[in-house]
Amino acid sequence: MTSSPLLHDPNLAVRIRDRDPQVLTAVVDAYMNQILRAARGAGLNQQQAEEVTQNTFTTFIETAPRFEGRSHVRTWIFGIFYRKIQEARRGFAKDRRIDDIDEVFESRFDQSGSWSRPPRGPEDILSSKEVRLEIDDCLETVPDRQRLAFVLREVEGLSTKEICKTLEVSDTNLGVMMFRVRNRLRDCLESKWQ
């Protein structure tokens, strides 16, 4: 991703507050794919991720006059994203409660009670895409905040400072979260590959 020269303008905060169309477009272009990847990495399906991404940038544009420039614009956008993902999860949780347990059971087991798709071992994993799917599956078992911290660090490459500001946690708390999520992932992957 090449960064637009507009994002390095010393008057960036003023231009964002003034809703300069060129600057707002440059910001959206620069960070849209990162936000979408982070939403997917946080466990949302493609449609949910696109919706959260759209809501994030809609809020960014609506609240642009309040941007003071005390933090990097990317940090500010990820802060908005974090709040939007929390809102979305509340809505998705309501939807999930409606799911019928019989449908879930039927989707995983056949008529005789055997796995429709049995768990696979490491010898079956042939490509990095499949490994990524295994990791994504394991991430489903991780609490939302820990998963988001992991995605922001390991997938999006945000700094500790940016993640702490986005998630509103201390460095120490982030370290504990990362330790826990990595341990859970290791345990989950080891159990899948035994």
N, C-alpha and C. Protein backbone atom coordinates (compact mmCIF):
# COMPACT_ATOMS: atom_id res chain seq x y z
N MET A 1 0.85 -1.17 0.00
CA MET A 1 0.00 0.00 0.00
C MET A 1 0.90 1.23 0.00
N THR A 2 0.71 2.09 -0.98
CA THR A 2 1.45 3.34 -1.01
C THR A 2 0.60 4.42 -0.38
N SER A 3 1.24 5.19 0.44
CA SER A 3 0.54 6.22 1.18
C SER A 3 0.47 7.49 0.34
N SER A 4 -0.67 8.12 0.33
CA SER A 4 -0.86 9.36 -0.40
C SER A 4 -0.05 10.47 0.25
N PRO A 5 0.56 11.34 -0.54
CA PRO A 5 1.29 12.48 0.03
C PRO A 5 0.38 13.36 0.89
N LEU A 6 -0.91 13.34 0.60
CA LEU A 6 -1.86 14.14 1.39
C LEU A 6 -1.85 13.73 2.86
N LEU A 7 -1.54 12.45 3.13
CA LEU A 7 -1.56 11.97 4.51
C LEU A 7 -0.36 12.47 5.30
N HIS A 8 0.61 13.06 4.63
CA HIS A 8 1.80 13.60 5.29
C HIS A 8 1.78 15.12 5.34
N ASP A 9 0.66 15.69 4.94
CA ASP A 9 0.50 17.15 4.94
C ASP A 9 0.53 17.63 6.40
N PRO A 10 1.34 18.65 6.70
CA PRO A 10 1.38 19.15 8.08
C PRO A 10 0.03 19.71 8.55
N ASN A 11 -0.83 20.03 7.62
CA ASN A 11 -2.16 20.54 7.96
C ASN A 11 -3.23 19.46 7.85
N LEU A 12 -2.83 18.20 7.98
CA LEU A 12 -3.75 17.09 7.81
C LEU A 12 -4.95 17.19 8.75
N ALA A 13 -4.71 17.43 10.01
CA ALA A 13 -5.82 17.49 10.99
C ALA A 13 -6.81 18.59 10.61
N VAL A 14 -6.29 19.75 10.19
CA VAL A 14 -7.17 20.87 9.80
C VAL A 14 -7.97 20.47 8.56
N ARG A 15 -7.32 19.83 7.62
CA ARG A 15 -8.01 19.44 6.39
C ARG A 15 -9.05 18.36 6.65
N ILE A 16 -8.78 17.48 7.61
CA ILE A 16 -9.78 16.48 7.98
C ILE A 16 -10.96 17.18 8.65
N ARG A 17 -10.66 18.07 9.59
CA ARG A 17 -11.75 18.80 10.28
C ARG A 17 -12.61 19.58 9.29
N ASP A 18 -11.97 20.13 8.25
CA ASP A 18 -12.70 20.89 7.23
C ASP A 18 -13.38 19.99 6.20
N ARG A 19 -13.24 18.68 6.39
CA ARG A 19 -13.82 17.68 5.48
C ARG A 19 -13.38 17.91 4.04
N ASP A 20 -12.10 18.16 3.88
CA ASP A 20 -11.52 18.32 2.54
C ASP A 20 -11.73 17.00 1.79
N PRO A 21 -12.49 17.02 0.68
CA PRO A 21 -12.81 15.78 -0.03
C PRO A 21 -11.57 15.00 -0.48
N GLN A 22 -10.52 15.69 -0.90
CA GLN A 22 -9.31 14.99 -1.33
C GLN A 22 -8.67 14.24 -0.18
N VAL A 23 -8.59 14.88 0.98
CA VAL A 23 -7.96 14.25 2.14
C VAL A 23 -8.82 13.10 2.65
N LEU A 24 -10.13 13.31 2.74
CA LEU A 24 -11.01 12.23 3.21
C LEU A 24 -10.92 11.02 2.28
N THR A 25 -10.89 11.27 0.98
CA THR A 25 -10.75 10.17 0.01
C THR A 25 -9.41 9.47 0.20
N ALA A 26 -8.35 10.23 0.41
CA ALA A 26 -7.02 9.64 0.60
C ALA A 26 -6.99 8.77 1.86
N VAL A 27 -7.63 9.22 2.93
CA VAL A 27 -7.66 8.45 4.18
C VAL A 27 -8.44 7.15 3.97
N VAL A 28 -9.61 7.26 3.34
CA VAL A 28 -10.42 6.07 3.10
C VAL A 28 -9.66 5.08 2.22
N ASP A 29 -9.06 5.59 1.14
CA ASP A 29 -8.29 4.71 0.25
C ASP A 29 -7.12 4.04 0.97
N ALA A 30 -6.46 4.79 1.85
CA ALA A 30 -5.28 4.27 2.54
C ALA A 30 -5.63 3.19 3.57
N TYR A 31 -6.79 3.28 4.21
CA TYR A 31 -7.07 2.40 5.34
C TYR A 31 -8.26 1.46 5.15
N MET A 32 -8.97 1.56 4.06
CA MET A 32 -10.16 0.71 3.86
C MET A 32 -9.79 -0.77 3.89
N ASN A 33 -8.77 -1.18 3.15
CA ASN A 33 -8.41 -2.61 3.12
C ASN A 33 -7.93 -3.10 4.48
N GLN A 34 -7.22 -2.25 5.22
CA GLN A 34 -6.77 -2.65 6.56
C GLN A 34 -7.96 -2.89 7.48
N ILE A 35 -8.92 -1.99 7.45
CA ILE A 35 -10.10 -2.13 8.30
C ILE A 35 -10.89 -3.38 7.90
N LEU A 36 -11.04 -3.60 6.61
CA LEU A 36 -11.77 -4.78 6.14
C LEU A 36 -11.06 -6.06 6.58
N ARG A 37 -9.73 -6.10 6.43
CA ARG A 37 -8.97 -7.29 6.87
C ARG A 37 -9.10 -7.49 8.38
N ALA A 38 -9.04 -6.39 9.13
CA ALA A 38 -9.16 -6.49 10.59
C ALA A 38 -10.53 -7.02 10.98
N ALA A 39 -11.56 -6.58 10.27
CA ALA A 39 -12.92 -7.06 10.56
C ALA A 39 -13.03 -8.55 10.25
N ARG A 40 -12.45 -8.99 9.13
CA ARG A 40 -12.46 -10.41 8.80
C ARG A 40 -11.64 -11.19 9.83
N GLY A 41 -10.50 -10.62 10.22
CA GLY A 41 -9.66 -11.28 11.21
C GLY A 41 -10.30 -11.35 12.58
N ALA A 42 -11.23 -10.44 12.84
CA ALA A 42 -11.94 -10.45 14.12
C ALA A 42 -13.08 -11.46 14.13
N GLY A 43 -13.22 -12.21 13.02
CA GLY A 43 -14.20 -13.28 13.01
C GLY A 43 -15.50 -12.97 12.29
N LEU A 44 -15.59 -11.84 11.63
CA LEU A 44 -16.82 -11.51 10.92
C LEU A 44 -16.79 -12.14 9.53
N ASN A 45 -17.97 -12.52 9.04
CA ASN A 45 -18.02 -13.02 7.67
C ASN A 45 -17.87 -11.83 6.72
N GLN A 46 -17.76 -12.09 5.42
CA GLN A 46 -17.48 -11.03 4.46
C GLN A 46 -18.52 -9.92 4.51
N GLN A 47 -19.79 -10.29 4.54
CA GLN A 47 -20.86 -9.29 4.56
C GLN A 47 -20.81 -8.46 5.84
N GLN A 48 -20.63 -9.10 6.97
CA GLN A 48 -20.55 -8.38 8.24
C GLN A 48 -19.33 -7.47 8.26
N ALA A 49 -18.20 -7.96 7.73
CA ALA A 49 -16.98 -7.17 7.70
C ALA A 49 -17.15 -5.94 6.83
N GLU A 50 -17.79 -6.11 5.68
CA GLU A 50 -18.03 -4.97 4.80
C GLU A 50 -18.95 -3.95 5.47
N GLU A 51 -19.95 -4.43 6.19
CA GLU A 51 -20.88 -3.53 6.88
C GLU A 51 -20.16 -2.73 7.98
N VAL A 52 -19.33 -3.42 8.77
CA VAL A 52 -18.57 -2.74 9.82
C VAL A 52 -17.59 -1.73 9.21
N THR A 53 -16.97 -2.12 8.11
CA THR A 53 -16.03 -1.21 7.43
C THR A 53 -16.75 0.03 6.94
N GLN A 54 -17.90 -0.17 6.32
CA GLN A 54 -18.68 0.97 5.83
C GLN A 54 -19.10 1.87 6.99
N ASN A 55 -19.57 1.28 8.07
CA ASN A 55 -19.99 2.06 9.23
C ASN A 55 -18.82 2.82 9.85
N THR A 56 -17.64 2.20 9.84
CA THR A 56 -16.45 2.86 10.37
C THR A 56 -16.14 4.12 9.59
N PHE A 57 -16.14 4.02 8.27
CA PHE A 57 -15.79 5.19 7.47
C PHE A 57 -16.91 6.22 7.40
N THR A 58 -18.15 5.78 7.52
CA THR A 58 -19.26 6.73 7.60
C THR A 58 -19.11 7.57 8.86
N THR A 59 -18.81 6.91 9.97
CA THR A 59 -18.60 7.62 11.23
C THR A 59 -17.37 8.52 11.15
N PHE A 60 -16.32 8.04 10.51
CA PHE A 60 -15.11 8.86 10.32
C PHE A 60 -15.46 10.16 9.62
N ILE A 61 -16.22 10.08 8.54
CA ILE A 61 -16.57 11.29 7.79
C ILE A 61 -17.51 12.18 8.60
N GLU A 62 -18.48 11.57 9.29
CA GLU A 62 -19.43 12.35 10.10
C GLU A 62 -18.73 13.09 11.25
N THR A 63 -17.74 12.44 11.84
CA THR A 63 -17.08 13.02 13.01
C THR A 63 -15.78 13.74 12.68
N ALA A 64 -15.46 13.87 11.40
CA ALA A 64 -14.21 14.52 10.99
C ALA A 64 -14.00 15.89 11.64
N PRO A 65 -15.04 16.71 11.81
CA PRO A 65 -14.81 18.02 12.44
C PRO A 65 -14.29 17.94 13.88
N ARG A 66 -14.40 16.78 14.51
CA ARG A 66 -13.91 16.63 15.89
C ARG A 66 -12.48 16.10 15.96
N PHE A 67 -11.87 15.73 14.81
CA PHE A 67 -10.52 15.19 14.81
C PHE A 67 -9.53 16.30 15.19
N GLU A 68 -8.83 16.08 16.28
CA GLU A 68 -7.90 17.11 16.78
C GLU A 68 -6.47 16.87 16.35
N GLY A 69 -6.18 15.69 15.85
CA GLY A 69 -4.83 15.40 15.40
C GLY A 69 -3.87 15.02 16.51
N ARG A 70 -4.40 14.73 17.70
CA ARG A 70 -3.53 14.33 18.81
C ARG A 70 -2.99 12.93 18.62
N SER A 71 -3.69 12.13 17.82
CA SER A 71 -3.20 10.79 17.50
C SER A 71 -3.12 10.69 15.98
N HIS A 72 -2.44 9.66 15.51
CA HIS A 72 -2.35 9.42 14.07
C HIS A 72 -3.76 9.11 13.56
N VAL A 73 -4.07 9.51 12.36
CA VAL A 73 -5.40 9.29 11.81
C VAL A 73 -5.74 7.80 11.77
N ARG A 74 -4.74 6.93 11.52
CA ARG A 74 -5.00 5.49 11.52
C ARG A 74 -5.45 5.02 12.90
N THR A 75 -4.84 5.53 13.95
CA THR A 75 -5.23 5.17 15.31
C THR A 75 -6.66 5.60 15.58
N TRP A 76 -7.00 6.80 15.13
CA TRP A 76 -8.35 7.32 15.32
C TRP A 76 -9.37 6.44 14.59
N ILE A 77 -9.05 6.05 13.35
CA ILE A 77 -9.97 5.21 12.58
C ILE A 77 -10.11 3.84 13.23
N PHE A 78 -9.02 3.27 13.72
CA PHE A 78 -9.13 1.97 14.39
C PHE A 78 -9.92 2.10 15.70
N GLY A 79 -9.88 3.25 16.34
CA GLY A 79 -10.72 3.47 17.52
C GLY A 79 -12.20 3.44 17.14
N ILE A 80 -12.53 4.09 16.04
CA ILE A 80 -13.91 4.06 15.54
C ILE A 80 -14.28 2.63 15.18
N PHE A 81 -13.37 1.96 14.48
CA PHE A 81 -13.60 0.56 14.09
C PHE A 81 -13.89 -0.31 15.30
N TYR A 82 -13.12 -0.14 16.36
CA TYR A 82 -13.30 -0.95 17.55
C TYR A 82 -14.72 -0.75 18.12
N ARG A 83 -15.17 0.48 18.18
CA ARG A 83 -16.52 0.74 18.69
C ARG A 83 -17.58 0.16 17.76
N LYS A 84 -17.35 0.25 16.46
CA LYS A 84 -18.32 -0.29 15.49
C LYS A 84 -18.37 -1.82 15.57
N ILE A 85 -17.25 -2.44 15.80
CA ILE A 85 -17.24 -3.90 15.90
C ILE A 85 -17.95 -4.34 17.18
N GLN A 86 -17.82 -3.56 18.25
CA GLN A 86 -18.55 -3.89 19.48
C GLN A 86 -20.05 -3.78 19.25
N GLU A 87 -20.49 -2.71 18.57
CA GLU A 87 -21.92 -2.54 18.26
C GLU A 87 -22.41 -3.71 17.41
N ALA A 88 -21.63 -4.05 16.40
CA ALA A 88 -22.03 -5.14 15.50
C ALA A 88 -22.12 -6.46 16.25
N ARG A 89 -21.18 -6.73 17.12
CA ARG A 89 -21.20 -7.99 17.88
C ARG A 89 -22.45 -8.11 18.74
N ARG A 90 -22.87 -7.00 19.31
CA ARG A 90 -24.11 -7.04 20.10
C ARG A 90 -25.28 -7.46 19.21
N GLY A 91 -25.34 -6.91 18.00
CA GLY A 91 -26.40 -7.27 17.06
C GLY A 91 -26.28 -8.71 16.60
N PHE A 92 -25.04 -9.15 16.32
CA PHE A 92 -24.83 -10.52 15.86
C PHE A 92 -25.16 -11.52 16.97
N ALA A 93 -24.88 -11.14 18.22
CA ALA A 93 -25.17 -12.04 19.34
C ALA A 93 -26.67 -12.28 19.43
N LYS A 94 -27.46 -11.23 19.21
CA LYS A 94 -28.92 -11.39 19.22
C LYS A 94 -29.35 -12.35 18.12
N ASP A 95 -28.74 -12.20 16.94
CA ASP A 95 -29.08 -13.08 15.81
C ASP A 95 -28.71 -14.53 16.11
N ARG A 96 -27.55 -14.73 16.75
CA ARG A 96 -27.08 -16.09 17.03
C ARG A 96 -27.99 -16.81 18.02
N ARG A 97 -28.60 -16.06 18.95
CA ARG A 97 -29.48 -16.71 19.93
C ARG A 97 -30.70 -17.33 19.26
N ILE A 98 -31.01 -16.84 18.08
CA ILE A 98 -32.17 -17.34 17.36
C ILE A 98 -31.86 -18.64 16.64
N ASP A 99 -30.56 -18.91 16.36
CA ASP A 99 -30.17 -20.12 15.65
C ASP A 99 -30.71 -21.37 16.34
N ASP A 100 -31.20 -22.29 15.55
CA ASP A 100 -31.74 -23.53 16.07
C ASP A 100 -30.60 -24.54 16.29
N ILE A 101 -30.50 -25.11 17.47
CA ILE A 101 -29.43 -26.04 17.80
C ILE A 101 -29.48 -27.28 16.90
N ASP A 102 -30.67 -27.67 16.47
CA ASP A 102 -30.77 -28.82 15.57
C ASP A 102 -30.07 -28.55 14.24
N GLU A 103 -30.18 -27.32 13.74
CA GLU A 103 -29.51 -26.98 12.49
C GLU A 103 -28.00 -27.07 12.65
N VAL A 104 -27.49 -26.61 13.78
CA VAL A 104 -26.06 -26.67 14.03
C VAL A 104 -25.61 -28.12 14.10
N PHE A 105 -26.36 -28.95 14.83
CA PHE A 105 -26.01 -30.37 14.95
C PHE A 105 -26.04 -31.05 13.58
N GLU A 106 -27.09 -30.80 12.82
CA GLU A 106 -27.23 -31.44 11.51
C GLU A 106 -26.14 -30.99 10.55
N SER A 107 -25.65 -29.80 10.70
CA SER A 107 -24.60 -29.32 9.80
C SER A 107 -23.25 -29.97 10.10
N ARG A 108 -23.08 -30.53 11.29
CA ARG A 108 -21.79 -31.11 11.66
C ARG A 108 -21.77 -32.63 11.68
N PHE A 109 -22.95 -33.26 11.79
CA PHE A 109 -23.00 -34.72 11.90
C PHE A 109 -23.99 -35.29 10.88
N ASP A 110 -23.73 -36.54 10.47
CA ASP A 110 -24.65 -37.19 9.52
C ASP A 110 -25.74 -37.95 10.29
N GLN A 111 -26.56 -38.72 9.56
CA GLN A 111 -27.70 -39.43 10.15
C GLN A 111 -27.29 -40.40 11.27
N SER A 112 -26.10 -41.00 11.13
CA SER A 112 -25.66 -41.99 12.11
C SER A 112 -24.93 -41.36 13.30
N GLY A 113 -24.78 -40.03 13.29
CA GLY A 113 -24.09 -39.36 14.39
C GLY A 113 -22.60 -39.20 14.15
N SER A 114 -22.12 -39.61 12.97
CA SER A 114 -20.70 -39.44 12.64
C SER A 114 -20.47 -38.04 12.08
N TRP A 115 -19.22 -37.61 12.17
CA TRP A 115 -18.87 -36.30 11.64
C TRP A 115 -19.21 -36.22 10.16
N SER A 116 -19.80 -35.13 9.73
CA SER A 116 -19.97 -34.88 8.29
C SER A 116 -18.62 -34.56 7.69
N ARG A 117 -17.87 -33.74 8.39
CA ARG A 117 -16.49 -33.42 8.01
C ARG A 117 -15.65 -33.59 9.27
N PRO A 118 -14.98 -34.75 9.39
CA PRO A 118 -14.20 -34.99 10.61
C PRO A 118 -13.04 -34.00 10.76
N PRO A 119 -12.61 -33.77 11.99
CA PRO A 119 -11.45 -32.90 12.21
C PRO A 119 -10.24 -33.49 11.48
N ARG A 120 -9.39 -32.61 10.94
CA ARG A 120 -8.24 -33.06 10.17
C ARG A 120 -6.97 -32.96 10.98
N GLY A 121 -6.02 -33.81 10.64
CA GLY A 121 -4.70 -33.78 11.26
C GLY A 121 -3.73 -32.98 10.42
N PRO A 122 -2.49 -32.79 10.92
CA PRO A 122 -1.53 -31.97 10.20
C PRO A 122 -1.13 -32.54 8.85
N GLU A 123 -1.21 -33.86 8.69
CA GLU A 123 -0.85 -34.45 7.41
C GLU A 123 -1.82 -34.05 6.31
N ASP A 124 -3.02 -33.62 6.67
CA ASP A 124 -4.01 -33.21 5.69
C ASP A 124 -3.87 -31.74 5.29
N ILE A 125 -3.11 -31.02 6.05
CA ILE A 125 -2.99 -29.58 5.78
C ILE A 125 -1.87 -29.38 4.78
N LEU A 126 -2.23 -28.95 3.58
CA LEU A 126 -1.26 -28.89 2.51
C LEU A 126 -0.84 -27.48 2.11
N SER A 127 -1.60 -26.49 2.47
CA SER A 127 -1.23 -25.14 2.02
C SER A 127 -1.41 -24.14 3.14
N SER A 128 -0.77 -23.00 2.98
CA SER A 128 -0.87 -21.96 4.00
C SER A 128 -2.30 -21.43 4.13
N LYS A 129 -3.07 -21.50 3.04
CA LYS A 129 -4.47 -21.08 3.11
C LYS A 129 -5.24 -21.97 4.07
N GLU A 130 -4.98 -23.26 4.02
CA GLU A 130 -5.64 -24.18 4.94
C GLU A 130 -5.20 -23.94 6.38
N VAL A 131 -3.92 -23.64 6.56
CA VAL A 131 -3.43 -23.33 7.90
C VAL A 131 -4.13 -22.09 8.42
N ARG A 132 -4.28 -21.09 7.55
CA ARG A 132 -4.97 -19.85 7.95
C ARG A 132 -6.41 -20.15 8.39
N LEU A 133 -7.06 -21.06 7.67
CA LEU A 133 -8.42 -21.45 8.05
C LEU A 133 -8.43 -22.11 9.43
N GLU A 134 -7.42 -22.94 9.71
CA GLU A 134 -7.31 -23.57 11.03
C GLU A 134 -7.12 -22.52 12.12
N ILE A 135 -6.26 -21.55 11.84
CA ILE A 135 -6.02 -20.48 12.80
C ILE A 135 -7.30 -19.68 13.01
N ASP A 136 -7.99 -19.35 11.92
CA ASP A 136 -9.26 -18.61 12.03
C ASP A 136 -10.26 -19.38 12.88
N ASP A 137 -10.31 -20.70 12.67
CA ASP A 137 -11.22 -21.53 13.45
C ASP A 137 -10.86 -21.47 14.93
N CYS A 138 -9.56 -21.56 15.23
CA CYS A 138 -9.12 -21.48 16.62
C CYS A 138 -9.39 -20.09 17.21
N LEU A 139 -9.27 -19.07 16.38
CA LEU A 139 -9.54 -17.71 16.87
C LEU A 139 -10.99 -17.54 17.29
N GLU A 140 -11.89 -18.38 16.74
CA GLU A 140 -13.30 -18.32 17.13
C GLU A 140 -13.48 -18.60 18.62
N THR A 141 -12.55 -19.35 19.22
CA THR A 141 -12.67 -19.70 20.63
C THR A 141 -12.08 -18.65 21.56
N VAL A 142 -11.45 -17.63 20.98
CA VAL A 142 -10.76 -16.61 21.76
C VAL A 142 -11.72 -15.46 22.05
N PRO A 143 -11.71 -14.92 23.28
CA PRO A 143 -12.56 -13.77 23.58
C PRO A 143 -12.32 -12.62 22.59
N ASP A 144 -13.37 -11.88 22.31
CA ASP A 144 -13.34 -10.85 21.27
C ASP A 144 -12.19 -9.87 21.40
N ARG A 145 -11.97 -9.32 22.58
CA ARG A 145 -10.92 -8.31 22.75
C ARG A 145 -9.54 -8.90 22.50
N GLN A 146 -9.31 -10.13 22.97
CA GLN A 146 -8.02 -10.78 22.74
C GLN A 146 -7.83 -11.05 21.25
N ARG A 147 -8.88 -11.51 20.59
CA ARG A 147 -8.80 -11.79 19.16
C ARG A 147 -8.49 -10.52 18.39
N LEU A 148 -9.17 -9.43 18.73
CA LEU A 148 -8.93 -8.17 18.04
C LEU A 148 -7.52 -7.67 18.28
N ALA A 149 -7.03 -7.80 19.50
CA ALA A 149 -5.65 -7.40 19.80
C ALA A 149 -4.68 -8.20 18.94
N PHE A 150 -4.92 -9.50 18.83
CA PHE A 150 -4.06 -10.38 18.02
C PHE A 150 -4.08 -9.96 16.56
N VAL A 151 -5.27 -9.72 16.02
CA VAL A 151 -5.39 -9.33 14.61
C VAL A 151 -4.72 -7.99 14.35
N LEU A 152 -4.94 -7.04 15.24
CA LEU A 152 -4.33 -5.72 15.05
C LEU A 152 -2.80 -5.80 15.08
N ARG A 153 -2.26 -6.68 15.93
CA ARG A 153 -0.81 -6.81 16.04
C ARG A 153 -0.25 -7.67 14.93
N GLU A 154 -0.75 -8.90 14.80
CA GLU A 154 -0.14 -9.89 13.92
C GLU A 154 -0.55 -9.77 12.47
N VAL A 155 -1.75 -9.30 12.20
CA VAL A 155 -2.22 -9.20 10.81
C VAL A 155 -2.03 -7.78 10.28
N GLU A 156 -2.47 -6.80 11.05
CA GLU A 156 -2.42 -5.42 10.59
C GLU A 156 -1.12 -4.71 10.92
N GLY A 157 -0.34 -5.27 11.85
CA GLY A 157 0.96 -4.70 12.16
C GLY A 157 0.93 -3.39 12.92
N LEU A 158 -0.15 -3.12 13.66
CA LEU A 158 -0.21 -1.90 14.44
C LEU A 158 0.80 -1.97 15.58
N SER A 159 1.27 -0.82 15.99
CA SER A 159 2.22 -0.75 17.11
C SER A 159 1.48 -0.98 18.43
N THR A 160 2.26 -1.28 19.46
CA THR A 160 1.68 -1.46 20.79
C THR A 160 0.92 -0.20 21.20
N LYS A 161 1.52 0.95 20.95
CA LYS A 161 0.88 2.22 21.32
C LYS A 161 -0.47 2.38 20.61
N GLU A 162 -0.52 2.08 19.31
CA GLU A 162 -1.76 2.22 18.56
C GLU A 162 -2.82 1.24 19.06
N ILE A 163 -2.40 0.02 19.35
CA ILE A 163 -3.37 -0.98 19.82
C ILE A 163 -3.90 -0.59 21.20
N CYS A 164 -3.00 -0.15 22.08
CA CYS A 164 -3.43 0.26 23.42
C CYS A 164 -4.42 1.41 23.34
N LYS A 165 -4.16 2.36 22.47
CA LYS A 165 -5.07 3.50 22.33
C LYS A 165 -6.40 3.04 21.75
N THR A 166 -6.35 2.18 20.73
CA THR A 166 -7.57 1.69 20.09
C THR A 166 -8.44 0.91 21.07
N LEU A 167 -7.81 -0.01 21.81
CA LEU A 167 -8.56 -0.88 22.72
C LEU A 167 -8.73 -0.28 24.12
N GLU A 168 -8.08 0.87 24.33
CA GLU A 168 -8.15 1.55 25.63
C GLU A 168 -7.66 0.65 26.75
N VAL A 169 -6.44 0.08 26.54
CA VAL A 169 -5.81 -0.77 27.55
C VAL A 169 -4.38 -0.30 27.77
N SER A 170 -3.79 -0.73 28.88
CA SER A 170 -2.39 -0.39 29.16
C SER A 170 -1.47 -1.34 28.42
N ASP A 171 -0.18 -0.99 28.36
CA ASP A 171 0.82 -1.87 27.74
C ASP A 171 0.82 -3.24 28.42
N THR A 172 0.76 -3.22 29.75
CA THR A 172 0.77 -4.47 30.51
C THR A 172 -0.44 -5.32 30.19
N ASN A 173 -1.61 -4.69 30.14
CA ASN A 173 -2.83 -5.42 29.84
C ASN A 173 -2.76 -6.02 28.44
N LEU A 174 -2.23 -5.26 27.49
CA LEU A 174 -2.08 -5.77 26.13
C LEU A 174 -1.13 -6.98 26.12
N GLY A 175 -0.05 -6.89 26.87
CA GLY A 175 0.89 -8.01 26.95
C GLY A 175 0.22 -9.27 27.48
N VAL A 176 -0.62 -9.11 28.49
CA VAL A 176 -1.34 -10.25 29.07
C VAL A 176 -2.32 -10.81 28.03
N MET A 177 -3.02 -9.91 27.33
CA MET A 177 -3.97 -10.36 26.30
C MET A 177 -3.26 -11.15 25.21
N MET A 178 -2.11 -10.64 24.75
CA MET A 178 -1.37 -11.32 23.68
C MET A 178 -0.85 -12.68 24.17
N PHE A 179 -0.38 -12.75 25.40
CA PHE A 179 0.09 -14.00 25.98
C PHE A 179 -1.04 -15.02 26.00
N ARG A 180 -2.21 -14.59 26.45
CA ARG A 180 -3.35 -15.51 26.55
C ARG A 180 -3.82 -15.99 25.18
N VAL A 181 -3.93 -15.06 24.22
CA VAL A 181 -4.42 -15.47 22.91
C VAL A 181 -3.43 -16.40 22.22
N ARG A 182 -2.15 -16.15 22.36
CA ARG A 182 -1.15 -17.03 21.74
C ARG A 182 -1.18 -18.42 22.37
N ASN A 183 -1.35 -18.48 23.69
CA ASN A 183 -1.45 -19.79 24.36
C ASN A 183 -2.70 -20.55 23.92
N ARG A 184 -3.81 -19.84 23.81
CA ARG A 184 -5.05 -20.49 23.38
C ARG A 184 -4.91 -21.02 21.96
N LEU A 185 -4.29 -20.21 21.10
CA LEU A 185 -4.09 -20.65 19.72
C LEU A 185 -3.19 -21.89 19.66
N ARG A 186 -2.10 -21.85 20.42
CA ARG A 186 -1.19 -23.00 20.44
C ARG A 186 -1.93 -24.25 20.91
N ASP A 187 -2.66 -24.14 22.03
CA ASP A 187 -3.39 -25.29 22.55
C ASP A 187 -4.41 -25.81 21.55
N CYS A 188 -5.14 -24.90 20.91
CA CYS A 188 -6.16 -25.29 19.95
C CYS A 188 -5.54 -25.99 18.76
N LEU A 189 -4.48 -25.41 18.20
CA LEU A 189 -3.83 -26.02 17.04
C LEU A 189 -3.21 -27.38 17.39
N GLU A 190 -2.62 -27.46 18.57
CA GLU A 190 -2.04 -28.75 18.99
C GLU A 190 -3.14 -29.81 19.12
N SER A 191 -4.29 -29.44 19.64
CA SER A 191 -5.37 -30.42 19.77
C SER A 191 -5.91 -30.84 18.41
N LYS A 192 -5.92 -29.93 17.46
CA LYS A 192 -6.37 -30.27 16.10
C LYS A 192 -5.41 -31.20 15.40
N TRP A 193 -4.13 -31.08 15.70
CA TRP A 193 -3.10 -31.80 14.96
C TRP A 193 -2.61 -33.05 15.68
N GLN A 194 -3.28 -33.47 16.73
CA GLN A 194 -2.87 -34.69 17.44
C GLN A 194 -3.47 -35.90 16.79
